[in-house]
Structure formats: C-alpha cells, structure tokens
Amino acid sequence: VSLAVLTRAQRVPFIFLAITTLCLFATLAIFFAFTFPANQATNNWTQIPANWKHLRWQWEVSHAVNAVNTFVGFCSLTISTLLARE
C-alpha cells in the first residue's frame, strides 16, 4: 500500500500496485472466509467431524485459489517495479 502511495503519480505502475493490494486483501478474505473456519471445525485437523469431506474440499480449494491469487499479486508487483521510473 505504501509503495502504491509513493508511485501514485505514475499511472501504469500504480494500477499494477493497486492490483497487488487487491490480491493481498482478497487472500486474507478467502483465508478468513473458508480456510480458517475449516481449521476451527476440525480443531486444526486433529478431530474428524461428520462433514469432513466438505471441509477438506473447502480447505483445499481455498488454498488453491489463494495460491493463484498470490501468484497474480506477485507478478503484478514485479511488473509495477519494472515499469516504475525514479
């Protein structure tokens, strides 16, 4: 976020940094909406509730989506850094 503020005068790098910031917040939202509840319901996978197959699917998909989301954010940050002028 601070890097986006510093490069706000440069339109293209700023857009890529905004995308990076959105990816970061989306990763946190996905974690707290899907991964964390599955961890809590299974006591960090030390207990097996009745709906464990659904919870496992939710946990795995949220990790996969977050991996793609993090990769997009990292690529966006890299592009922004390469395009930024001093």
N, C-alpha and C. Protein backbone atom coordinates (compact mmCIF):
# COMPACT_ATOMS: atom_id res chain seq x y z
N VAL A 1 0.84 -1.19 0.00
CA VAL A 1 0.00 0.00 0.00
C VAL A 1 0.88 1.25 0.00
N SER A 2 1.94 1.24 0.80
CA SER A 2 2.82 2.42 0.84
C SER A 2 3.54 2.62 -0.49
N LEU A 3 3.89 1.54 -1.15
CA LEU A 3 4.51 1.66 -2.46
C LEU A 3 3.53 2.25 -3.48
N ALA A 4 2.27 1.89 -3.38
CA ALA A 4 1.25 2.46 -4.27
C ALA A 4 1.10 3.96 -4.03
N VAL A 5 1.17 4.35 -2.78
CA VAL A 5 1.08 5.78 -2.47
C VAL A 5 2.28 6.53 -3.05
N LEU A 6 3.45 5.93 -2.96
CA LEU A 6 4.65 6.59 -3.47
C LEU A 6 4.67 6.69 -4.99
N THR A 7 4.01 5.78 -5.68
CA THR A 7 4.03 5.79 -7.15
C THR A 7 2.71 6.24 -7.75
N ARG A 8 1.88 6.90 -6.98
CA ARG A 8 0.55 7.29 -7.48
C ARG A 8 0.63 8.25 -8.67
N ALA A 9 1.73 8.96 -8.85
CA ALA A 9 1.87 9.88 -9.98
C ALA A 9 2.15 9.14 -11.29
N GLN A 10 2.59 7.91 -11.19
CA GLN A 10 2.88 7.10 -12.38
C GLN A 10 1.71 6.13 -12.58
N ARG A 11 0.92 6.41 -13.58
CA ARG A 11 -0.35 5.71 -13.76
C ARG A 11 -0.23 4.19 -13.89
N VAL A 12 0.59 3.69 -14.79
CA VAL A 12 0.66 2.25 -15.05
C VAL A 12 1.23 1.49 -13.84
N PRO A 13 2.36 1.91 -13.26
CA PRO A 13 2.83 1.19 -12.06
C PRO A 13 1.81 1.25 -10.92
N PHE A 14 1.12 2.37 -10.80
CA PHE A 14 0.11 2.49 -9.74
C PHE A 14 -1.02 1.48 -9.94
N ILE A 15 -1.45 1.29 -11.17
CA ILE A 15 -2.53 0.33 -11.45
C ILE A 15 -2.09 -1.08 -11.05
N PHE A 16 -0.86 -1.44 -11.41
CA PHE A 16 -0.37 -2.77 -11.04
C PHE A 16 -0.21 -2.91 -9.53
N LEU A 17 0.18 -1.85 -8.86
CA LEU A 17 0.27 -1.91 -7.39
C LEU A 17 -1.12 -1.98 -6.75
N ALA A 18 -2.09 -1.35 -7.36
CA ALA A 18 -3.47 -1.46 -6.86
C ALA A 18 -3.96 -2.91 -7.00
N ILE A 19 -3.62 -3.54 -8.12
CA ILE A 19 -3.97 -4.95 -8.31
C ILE A 19 -3.30 -5.81 -7.24
N THR A 20 -2.03 -5.53 -6.97
CA THR A 20 -1.30 -6.26 -5.93
C THR A 20 -1.99 -6.11 -4.58
N THR A 21 -2.39 -4.90 -4.25
CA THR A 21 -3.06 -4.64 -2.98
C THR A 21 -4.40 -5.38 -2.90
N LEU A 22 -5.15 -5.37 -3.99
CA LEU A 22 -6.42 -6.09 -4.01
C LEU A 22 -6.20 -7.60 -3.85
N CYS A 23 -5.17 -8.11 -4.47
CA CYS A 23 -4.85 -9.54 -4.32
C CYS A 23 -4.50 -9.87 -2.87
N LEU A 24 -3.75 -9.00 -2.22
CA LEU A 24 -3.39 -9.22 -0.82
C LEU A 24 -4.63 -9.27 0.06
N PHE A 25 -5.53 -8.30 -0.11
CA PHE A 25 -6.75 -8.29 0.70
C PHE A 25 -7.67 -9.45 0.35
N ALA A 26 -7.71 -9.85 -0.92
CA ALA A 26 -8.52 -10.99 -1.32
C ALA A 26 -7.99 -12.28 -0.69
N THR A 27 -6.68 -12.40 -0.60
CA THR A 27 -6.08 -13.58 0.03
C THR A 27 -6.50 -13.66 1.50
N LEU A 28 -6.46 -12.54 2.18
CA LEU A 28 -6.89 -12.53 3.59
C LEU A 28 -8.38 -12.85 3.73
N ALA A 29 -9.19 -12.29 2.84
CA ALA A 29 -10.63 -12.54 2.89
C ALA A 29 -10.94 -14.01 2.65
N ILE A 30 -10.28 -14.61 1.67
CA ILE A 30 -10.51 -16.02 1.37
C ILE A 30 -10.06 -16.89 2.55
N PHE A 31 -8.93 -16.55 3.13
CA PHE A 31 -8.45 -17.32 4.28
C PHE A 31 -9.47 -17.29 5.42
N PHE A 32 -9.92 -16.09 5.79
CA PHE A 32 -10.83 -15.99 6.93
C PHE A 32 -12.25 -16.44 6.62
N ALA A 33 -12.62 -16.50 5.35
CA ALA A 33 -13.96 -16.96 4.99
C ALA A 33 -14.04 -18.47 4.82
N PHE A 34 -12.94 -19.11 4.38
CA PHE A 34 -13.01 -20.53 4.06
C PHE A 34 -11.99 -21.39 4.80
N THR A 35 -10.73 -21.00 4.80
CA THR A 35 -9.68 -21.84 5.39
C THR A 35 -9.78 -21.87 6.91
N PHE A 36 -9.86 -20.72 7.52
CA PHE A 36 -9.90 -20.63 8.98
C PHE A 36 -11.10 -21.36 9.58
N PRO A 37 -12.32 -21.20 9.02
CA PRO A 37 -13.45 -21.96 9.59
C PRO A 37 -13.26 -23.48 9.48
N ALA A 38 -12.65 -23.94 8.39
CA ALA A 38 -12.39 -25.39 8.27
C ALA A 38 -11.38 -25.83 9.32
N ASN A 39 -10.37 -25.02 9.57
CA ASN A 39 -9.40 -25.35 10.61
C ASN A 39 -10.05 -25.37 11.98
N GLN A 40 -10.94 -24.44 12.24
CA GLN A 40 -11.61 -24.38 13.54
C GLN A 40 -12.56 -25.56 13.72
N ALA A 41 -13.29 -25.92 12.68
CA ALA A 41 -14.26 -27.01 12.78
C ALA A 41 -13.58 -28.35 13.02
N THR A 42 -12.35 -28.48 12.57
CA THR A 42 -11.62 -29.74 12.74
C THR A 42 -10.56 -29.66 13.83
N ASN A 43 -10.55 -28.56 14.56
CA ASN A 43 -9.53 -28.34 15.60
C ASN A 43 -8.13 -28.52 15.01
N ASN A 44 -7.91 -27.78 13.90
CA ASN A 44 -6.65 -27.85 13.14
C ASN A 44 -6.35 -29.28 12.67
N TRP A 45 -7.38 -29.94 12.23
CA TRP A 45 -7.32 -31.27 11.62
C TRP A 45 -6.85 -32.35 12.60
N THR A 46 -7.20 -32.17 13.87
CA THR A 46 -6.93 -33.22 14.85
C THR A 46 -8.19 -33.98 15.21
N GLN A 47 -9.36 -33.46 14.80
CA GLN A 47 -10.64 -34.12 15.00
C GLN A 47 -11.34 -34.24 13.66
N ILE A 48 -12.11 -35.28 13.50
CA ILE A 48 -12.81 -35.51 12.24
C ILE A 48 -14.31 -35.35 12.48
N PRO A 49 -14.90 -34.21 12.02
CA PRO A 49 -16.35 -34.04 12.16
C PRO A 49 -17.08 -34.85 11.08
N ALA A 50 -18.39 -34.89 11.18
CA ALA A 50 -19.20 -35.67 10.24
C ALA A 50 -19.06 -35.16 8.80
N ASN A 51 -18.93 -33.86 8.63
CA ASN A 51 -18.85 -33.28 7.28
C ASN A 51 -17.41 -33.01 6.86
N TRP A 52 -16.49 -33.87 7.23
CA TRP A 52 -15.08 -33.62 6.99
C TRP A 52 -14.73 -33.58 5.51
N LYS A 53 -15.45 -34.33 4.67
CA LYS A 53 -15.14 -34.31 3.23
C LYS A 53 -15.43 -32.93 2.64
N HIS A 54 -16.52 -32.33 3.04
CA HIS A 54 -16.84 -30.98 2.57
C HIS A 54 -15.81 -29.98 3.10
N LEU A 55 -15.46 -30.10 4.35
CA LEU A 55 -14.46 -29.20 4.94
C LEU A 55 -13.10 -29.36 4.27
N ARG A 56 -12.72 -30.59 3.98
CA ARG A 56 -11.45 -30.81 3.30
C ARG A 56 -11.46 -30.18 1.91
N TRP A 57 -12.57 -30.35 1.18
CA TRP A 57 -12.70 -29.74 -0.15
C TRP A 57 -12.62 -28.22 -0.03
N GLN A 58 -13.32 -27.64 0.92
CA GLN A 58 -13.30 -26.19 1.14
C GLN A 58 -11.89 -25.72 1.46
N TRP A 59 -11.19 -26.45 2.29
CA TRP A 59 -9.83 -26.10 2.70
C TRP A 59 -8.88 -26.18 1.52
N GLU A 60 -8.97 -27.25 0.73
CA GLU A 60 -8.07 -27.43 -0.41
C GLU A 60 -8.32 -26.40 -1.50
N VAL A 61 -9.59 -26.14 -1.81
CA VAL A 61 -9.90 -25.17 -2.85
C VAL A 61 -9.48 -23.76 -2.42
N SER A 62 -9.69 -23.43 -1.17
CA SER A 62 -9.29 -22.09 -0.71
C SER A 62 -7.77 -21.92 -0.81
N HIS A 63 -7.02 -22.98 -0.53
CA HIS A 63 -5.57 -22.89 -0.68
C HIS A 63 -5.17 -22.76 -2.14
N ALA A 64 -5.84 -23.49 -3.01
CA ALA A 64 -5.51 -23.41 -4.44
C ALA A 64 -5.84 -22.02 -5.00
N VAL A 65 -6.99 -21.49 -4.63
CA VAL A 65 -7.37 -20.15 -5.10
C VAL A 65 -6.40 -19.11 -4.55
N ASN A 66 -6.01 -19.25 -3.30
CA ASN A 66 -5.06 -18.31 -2.72
C ASN A 66 -3.67 -18.42 -3.36
N ALA A 67 -3.29 -19.61 -3.78
CA ALA A 67 -2.00 -19.76 -4.47
C ALA A 67 -2.02 -19.00 -5.79
N VAL A 68 -3.09 -19.13 -6.55
CA VAL A 68 -3.21 -18.40 -7.82
C VAL A 68 -3.28 -16.90 -7.56
N ASN A 69 -4.05 -16.52 -6.57
CA ASN A 69 -4.21 -15.12 -6.21
C ASN A 69 -2.87 -14.50 -5.80
N THR A 70 -2.10 -15.21 -5.00
CA THR A 70 -0.79 -14.73 -4.57
C THR A 70 0.17 -14.62 -5.75
N PHE A 71 0.11 -15.57 -6.65
CA PHE A 71 0.97 -15.53 -7.84
C PHE A 71 0.63 -14.32 -8.71
N VAL A 72 -0.65 -14.06 -8.90
CA VAL A 72 -1.08 -12.88 -9.68
C VAL A 72 -0.59 -11.60 -9.00
N GLY A 73 -0.73 -11.53 -7.68
CA GLY A 73 -0.26 -10.36 -6.95
C GLY A 73 1.25 -10.17 -7.07
N PHE A 74 1.99 -11.26 -6.98
CA PHE A 74 3.45 -11.18 -7.10
C PHE A 74 3.85 -10.72 -8.51
N CYS A 75 3.20 -11.29 -9.52
CA CYS A 75 3.50 -10.88 -10.90
C CYS A 75 3.17 -9.41 -11.12
N SER A 76 2.06 -8.97 -10.56
CA SER A 76 1.66 -7.57 -10.68
C SER A 76 2.67 -6.66 -9.99
N LEU A 77 3.14 -7.06 -8.83
CA LEU A 77 4.16 -6.28 -8.12
C LEU A 77 5.46 -6.22 -8.92
N THR A 78 5.85 -7.34 -9.51
CA THR A 78 7.06 -7.37 -10.32
C THR A 78 6.95 -6.46 -11.53
N ILE A 79 5.82 -6.51 -12.22
CA ILE A 79 5.60 -5.65 -13.39
C ILE A 79 5.64 -4.19 -12.98
N SER A 80 4.99 -3.87 -11.87
CA SER A 80 4.97 -2.49 -11.39
C SER A 80 6.38 -1.99 -11.09
N THR A 81 7.18 -2.85 -10.46
CA THR A 81 8.55 -2.47 -10.14
C THR A 81 9.39 -2.24 -11.40
N LEU A 82 9.18 -3.09 -12.40
CA LEU A 82 9.92 -2.94 -13.64
C LEU A 82 9.51 -1.69 -14.43
N LEU A 83 8.26 -1.27 -14.30
CA LEU A 83 7.77 -0.12 -15.05
C LEU A 83 7.94 1.20 -14.33
N ALA A 84 8.20 1.17 -13.04
CA ALA A 84 8.32 2.41 -12.26
C ALA A 84 9.58 3.17 -12.66
N ARG A 85 9.41 4.49 -12.76
CA ARG A 85 10.54 5.37 -13.04
C ARG A 85 10.92 6.07 -11.74
N GLU A 86 12.18 6.40 -11.63
CA GLU A 86 12.63 7.08 -10.41
C GLU A 86 12.30 8.55 -10.44
